[in-house]
């Protein structure tokens, strides 16, 4: 009975799918911030170096 109920229940599957989506979005955001952060830092360093 427990196995039958677990196979028919979809709430757990949905929760796992949302968890995976949140993890994937977090990884994409972290990667984007890492890449953009370096570019922004380089831009500010270039501007600062060219100021009198």
PDB file of N, CA and C in Angstrom:
ATOM      1  N   UNK A   1       0.813  -1.204   0.000  1.00  0.00           N
ATOM      2  CA  UNK A   1       0.000   0.000   0.000  1.00  0.00           C
ATOM      3  C   UNK A   1       0.853   1.263   0.000  1.00  0.00           C
ATOM      4  N   UNK A   2       1.921   1.274   0.795  1.00  0.00           N
ATOM      5  CA  UNK A   2       2.779   2.461   0.879  1.00  0.00           C
ATOM      6  C   UNK A   2       3.445   2.728  -0.460  1.00  0.00           C
ATOM      7  N   UNK A   3       3.957   1.685  -1.096  1.00  0.00           N
ATOM      8  CA  UNK A   3       4.605   1.848  -2.390  1.00  0.00           C
ATOM      9  C   UNK A   3       3.606   2.332  -3.442  1.00  0.00           C
ATOM     10  N   UNK A   4       2.415   1.782  -3.421  1.00  0.00           N
ATOM     11  CA  UNK A   4       1.377   2.208  -4.367  1.00  0.00           C
ATOM     12  C   UNK A   4       1.035   3.685  -4.166  1.00  0.00           C
ATOM     13  N   UNK A   5       0.921   4.097  -2.909  1.00  0.00           N
ATOM     14  CA  UNK A   5       0.588   5.486  -2.607  1.00  0.00           C
ATOM     15  C   UNK A   5       1.724   6.424  -3.023  1.00  0.00           C
ATOM     16  N   UNK A   6       2.976   6.006  -2.809  1.00  0.00           N
ATOM     17  CA  UNK A   6       4.112   6.842  -3.183  1.00  0.00           C
ATOM     18  C   UNK A   6       4.224   7.003  -4.690  1.00  0.00           C
ATOM     19  N   UNK A   7       3.893   5.961  -5.435  1.00  0.00           N
ATOM     20  CA  UNK A   7       3.967   6.044  -6.883  1.00  0.00           C
ATOM     21  C   UNK A   7       2.874   6.938  -7.467  1.00  0.00           C
ATOM     22  N   UNK A   8       1.726   7.003  -6.818  1.00  0.00           N
ATOM     23  CA  UNK A   8       0.618   7.822  -7.326  1.00  0.00           C
ATOM     24  C   UNK A   8       0.715   9.270  -6.865  1.00  0.00           C
ATOM     25  N   UNK A   9       1.413   9.523  -5.765  1.00  0.00           N
ATOM     26  CA  UNK A   9       1.478  10.871  -5.207  1.00  0.00           C
ATOM     27  C   UNK A   9       2.446  11.721  -6.019  1.00  0.00           C
ATOM     28  N   UNK A  10       2.005  12.891  -6.433  1.00  0.00           N
ATOM     29  CA  UNK A  10       2.829  13.746  -7.282  1.00  0.00           C
ATOM     30  C   UNK A  10       3.351  14.978  -6.551  1.00  0.00           C
ATOM     31  N   UNK A  11       2.926  15.219  -5.341  1.00  0.00           N
ATOM     32  CA  UNK A  11       3.380  16.415  -4.630  1.00  0.00           C
ATOM     33  C   UNK A  11       4.883  16.391  -4.396  1.00  0.00           C
ATOM     34  N   UNK A  12       5.406  15.244  -4.040  1.00  0.00           N
ATOM     35  CA  UNK A  12       6.844  15.117  -3.814  1.00  0.00           C
ATOM     36  C   UNK A  12       7.640  15.350  -5.088  1.00  0.00           C
ATOM     37  N   UNK A  13       7.124  14.846  -6.203  1.00  0.00           N
ATOM     38  CA  UNK A  13       7.795  15.049  -7.483  1.00  0.00           C
ATOM     39  C   UNK A  13       7.812  16.521  -7.845  1.00  0.00           C
ATOM     40  N   UNK A  14       6.721  17.202  -7.636  1.00  0.00           N
ATOM     41  CA  UNK A  14       6.637  18.616  -7.957  1.00  0.00           C
ATOM     42  C   UNK A  14       7.606  19.412  -7.104  1.00  0.00           C
ATOM     43  N   UNK A  15       7.689  19.075  -5.829  1.00  0.00           N
ATOM     44  CA  UNK A  15       8.599  19.767  -4.931  1.00  0.00           C
ATOM     45  C   UNK A  15      10.041  19.560  -5.373  1.00  0.00           C
ATOM     46  N   UNK A  16      10.382  18.360  -5.779  1.00  0.00           N
ATOM     47  CA  UNK A  16      11.741  18.082  -6.256  1.00  0.00           C
ATOM     48  C   UNK A  16      12.019  18.859  -7.537  1.00  0.00           C
ATOM     49  N   UNK A  17      11.053  18.922  -8.422  1.00  0.00           N
ATOM     50  CA  UNK A  17      11.246  19.667  -9.674  1.00  0.00           C
ATOM     51  C   UNK A  17      11.457  21.151  -9.389  1.00  0.00           C
ATOM     52  N   UNK A  18      10.662  21.727  -8.494  1.00  0.00           N
ATOM     53  CA  UNK A  18      10.858  23.134  -8.132  1.00  0.00           C
ATOM     54  C   UNK A  18      12.226  23.344  -7.490  1.00  0.00           C
ATOM     55  N   UNK A  19      12.646  22.402  -6.665  1.00  0.00           N
ATOM     56  CA  UNK A  19      13.968  22.502  -6.045  1.00  0.00           C
ATOM     57  C   UNK A  19      15.079  22.486  -7.076  1.00  0.00           C
ATOM     58  N   UNK A  20      14.947  21.608  -8.072  1.00  0.00           N
ATOM     59  CA  UNK A  20      15.947  21.552  -9.137  1.00  0.00           C
ATOM     60  C   UNK A  20      15.952  22.831  -9.968  1.00  0.00           C
ATOM     61  N   UNK A  21      14.773  23.371 -10.238  1.00  0.00           N
ATOM     62  CA  UNK A  21      14.703  24.630 -10.990  1.00  0.00           C
ATOM     63  C   UNK A  21      15.355  25.770 -10.221  1.00  0.00           C
ATOM     64  N   UNK A  22      15.095  25.844  -8.928  1.00  0.00           N
ATOM     65  CA  UNK A  22      15.692  26.901  -8.104  1.00  0.00           C
ATOM     66  C   UNK A  22      17.212  26.751  -8.079  1.00  0.00           C
ATOM     67  N   UNK A  23      17.692  25.527  -7.959  1.00  0.00           N
ATOM     68  CA  UNK A  23      19.138  25.290  -7.955  1.00  0.00           C
ATOM     69  C   UNK A  23      19.760  25.690  -9.296  1.00  0.00           C
ATOM     70  N   UNK A  24      19.104  25.354 -10.396  1.00  0.00           N
ATOM     71  CA  UNK A  24      19.612  25.704 -11.713  1.00  0.00           C
ATOM     72  C   UNK A  24      19.641  27.220 -11.905  1.00  0.00           C
ATOM     73  N   UNK A  25      18.578  27.888 -11.499  1.00  0.00           N
ATOM     74  CA  UNK A  25      18.524  29.350 -11.612  1.00  0.00           C
ATOM     75  C   UNK A  25      19.621  29.978 -10.764  1.00  0.00           C
ATOM     76  N   UNK A  26      19.840  29.450  -9.562  1.00  0.00           N
ATOM     77  CA  UNK A  26      20.885  29.975  -8.687  1.00  0.00           C
ATOM     78  C   UNK A  26      22.259  29.816  -9.337  1.00  0.00           C
ATOM     79  N   UNK A  27      22.507  28.672  -9.960  1.00  0.00           N
ATOM     80  CA  UNK A  27      23.796  28.466 -10.623  1.00  0.00           C
ATOM     81  C   UNK A  27      23.999  29.435 -11.783  1.00  0.00           C
ATOM     82  N   UNK A  28      22.950  29.672 -12.548  1.00  0.00           N
ATOM     83  CA  UNK A  28      23.045  30.604 -13.678  1.00  0.00           C
ATOM     84  C   UNK A  28      23.301  32.016 -13.178  1.00  0.00           C
ATOM     85  N   UNK A  29      22.619  32.417 -12.116  1.00  0.00           N
ATOM     86  CA  UNK A  29      22.814  33.761 -11.558  1.00  0.00           C
ATOM     87  C   UNK A  29      24.231  33.913 -11.015  1.00  0.00           C
ATOM     88  N   UNK A  30      24.720  32.912 -10.304  1.00  0.00           N
ATOM     89  CA  UNK A  30      26.078  32.980  -9.762  1.00  0.00           C
ATOM     90  C   UNK A  30      27.103  33.067 -10.890  1.00  0.00           C
ATOM     91  N   UNK A  31      26.924  32.273 -11.934  1.00  0.00           N
ATOM     92  CA  UNK A  31      27.847  32.320 -13.071  1.00  0.00           C
ATOM     93  C   UNK A  31      27.802  33.679 -13.758  1.00  0.00           C
ATOM     94  N   UNK A  32      26.611  34.210 -13.952  1.00  0.00           N
ATOM     95  CA  UNK A  32      26.475  35.513 -14.612  1.00  0.00           C
ATOM     96  C   UNK A  32      27.111  36.615 -13.768  1.00  0.00           C
ATOM     97  N   UNK A  33      26.881  36.591 -12.468  1.00  0.00           N
ATOM     98  CA  UNK A  33      27.476  37.610 -11.605  1.00  0.00           C
ATOM     99  C   UNK A  33      28.994  37.493 -11.563  1.00  0.00           C
ATOM    100  N   UNK A  34      29.493  36.286 -11.595  1.00  0.00           N
ATOM    101  CA  UNK A  34      30.944  36.098 -11.602  1.00  0.00           C
ATOM    102  C   UNK A  34      31.556  36.680 -12.868  1.00  0.00           C
ATOM    103  N   UNK A  35      30.964  36.369 -14.005  1.00  0.00           N
ATOM    104  CA  UNK A  35      31.491  36.862 -15.282  1.00  0.00           C
ATOM    105  C   UNK A  35      31.325  38.379 -15.374  1.00  0.00           C
ATOM    106  N   UNK A  36      30.133  38.874 -15.079  1.00  0.00           N
ATOM    107  CA  UNK A  36      29.888  40.310 -15.176  1.00  0.00           C
ATOM    108  C   UNK A  36      30.666  41.082 -14.114  1.00  0.00           C
ATOM    109  N   UNK A  37      30.834  40.485 -12.953  1.00  0.00           N
ATOM    110  CA  UNK A  37      31.581  41.152 -11.889  1.00  0.00           C
ATOM    111  C   UNK A  37      33.011  41.424 -12.300  1.00  0.00           C
ATOM    112  N   UNK A  38      33.634  40.462 -12.953  1.00  0.00           N
ATOM    113  CA  UNK A  38      35.001  40.647 -13.435  1.00  0.00           C
ATOM    114  C   UNK A  38      35.067  41.746 -14.493  1.00  0.00           C
ATOM    115  N   UNK A  39      34.099  41.745 -15.403  1.00  0.00           N
ATOM    116  CA  UNK A  39      34.097  42.756 -16.463  1.00  0.00           C
ATOM    117  C   UNK A  39      33.875  44.153 -15.887  1.00  0.00           C
ATOM    118  N   UNK A  40      32.959  44.257 -14.937  1.00  0.00           N
ATOM    119  CA  UNK A  40      32.695  45.563 -14.316  1.00  0.00           C
ATOM    120  C   UNK A  40      33.923  46.034 -13.538  1.00  0.00           C
ATOM    121  N   UNK A  41      34.560  45.127 -12.811  1.00  0.00           N
ATOM    122  CA  UNK A  41      35.764  45.488 -12.071  1.00  0.00           C
ATOM    123  C   UNK A  41      36.866  45.942 -13.027  1.00  0.00           C
ATOM    124  N   UNK A  42      37.038  45.244 -14.136  1.00  0.00           N
ATOM    125  CA  UNK A  42      38.044  45.652 -15.126  1.00  0.00           C
ATOM    126  C   UNK A  42      37.722  47.019 -15.712  1.00  0.00           C
ATOM    127  N   UNK A  43      36.450  47.272 -15.979  1.00  0.00           N
ATOM    128  CA  UNK A  43      36.051  48.569 -16.518  1.00  0.00           C
ATOM    129  C   UNK A  43      36.353  49.679 -15.525  1.00  0.00           C
ATOM    130  N   UNK A  44      36.020  49.499 -14.261  1.00  0.00           N
ATOM    131  CA  UNK A  44      36.313  50.527 -13.265  1.00  0.00           C
ATOM    132  C   UNK A  44      37.813  50.719 -13.079  1.00  0.00           C
ATOM    133  N   UNK A  45      38.571  49.629 -13.139  1.00  0.00           N
ATOM    134  CA  UNK A  45      40.020  49.753 -13.021  1.00  0.00           C
ATOM    135  C   UNK A  45      40.624  50.520 -14.202  1.00  0.00           C
ATOM    136  N   UNK A  46      40.087  50.275 -15.392  1.00  0.00           N
ATOM    137  CA  UNK A  46      40.548  51.000 -16.580  1.00  0.00           C
ATOM    138  C   UNK A  46      40.212  52.480 -16.468  1.00  0.00           C
ATOM    139  N   UNK A  47      39.005  52.790 -16.047  1.00  0.00           N
ATOM    140  CA  UNK A  47      38.598  54.191 -15.864  1.00  0.00           C
ATOM    141  C   UNK A  47      39.458  54.850 -14.818  1.00  0.00           C
ATOM    142  N   UNK A  48      39.690  54.159 -13.712  1.00  0.00           N
ATOM    143  CA  UNK A  48      40.497  54.739 -12.639  1.00  0.00           C
ATOM    144  C   UNK A  48      41.934  54.974 -13.083  1.00  0.00           C
ATOM    145  N   UNK A  49      42.465  54.071 -13.884  1.00  0.00           N
ATOM    146  CA  UNK A  49      43.845  54.232 -14.358  1.00  0.00           C
ATOM    147  C   UNK A  49      43.981  55.394 -15.330  1.00  0.00           C
ATOM    148  N   UNK A  50      42.900  55.702 -16.064  1.00  0.00           N
ATOM    149  CA  UNK A  50      42.976  56.777 -17.055  1.00  0.00           C
ATOM    150  C   UNK A  50      42.616  58.147 -16.496  1.00  0.00           C
ATOM    151  N   UNK A  51      42.175  58.210 -15.268  1.00  0.00           N
ATOM    152  CA  UNK A  51      41.866  59.493 -14.656  1.00  0.00           C
ATOM    153  C   UNK A  51      43.185  60.186 -14.239  1.00  0.00           C
ATOM    154  N   UNK A  52      43.221  61.510 -14.355  1.00  0.00           N
ATOM    155  CA  UNK A  52      44.465  62.212 -13.955  1.00  0.00           C
ATOM    156  C   UNK A  52      44.710  62.185 -12.457  1.00  0.00           C
TER     157      UNK A  52
END
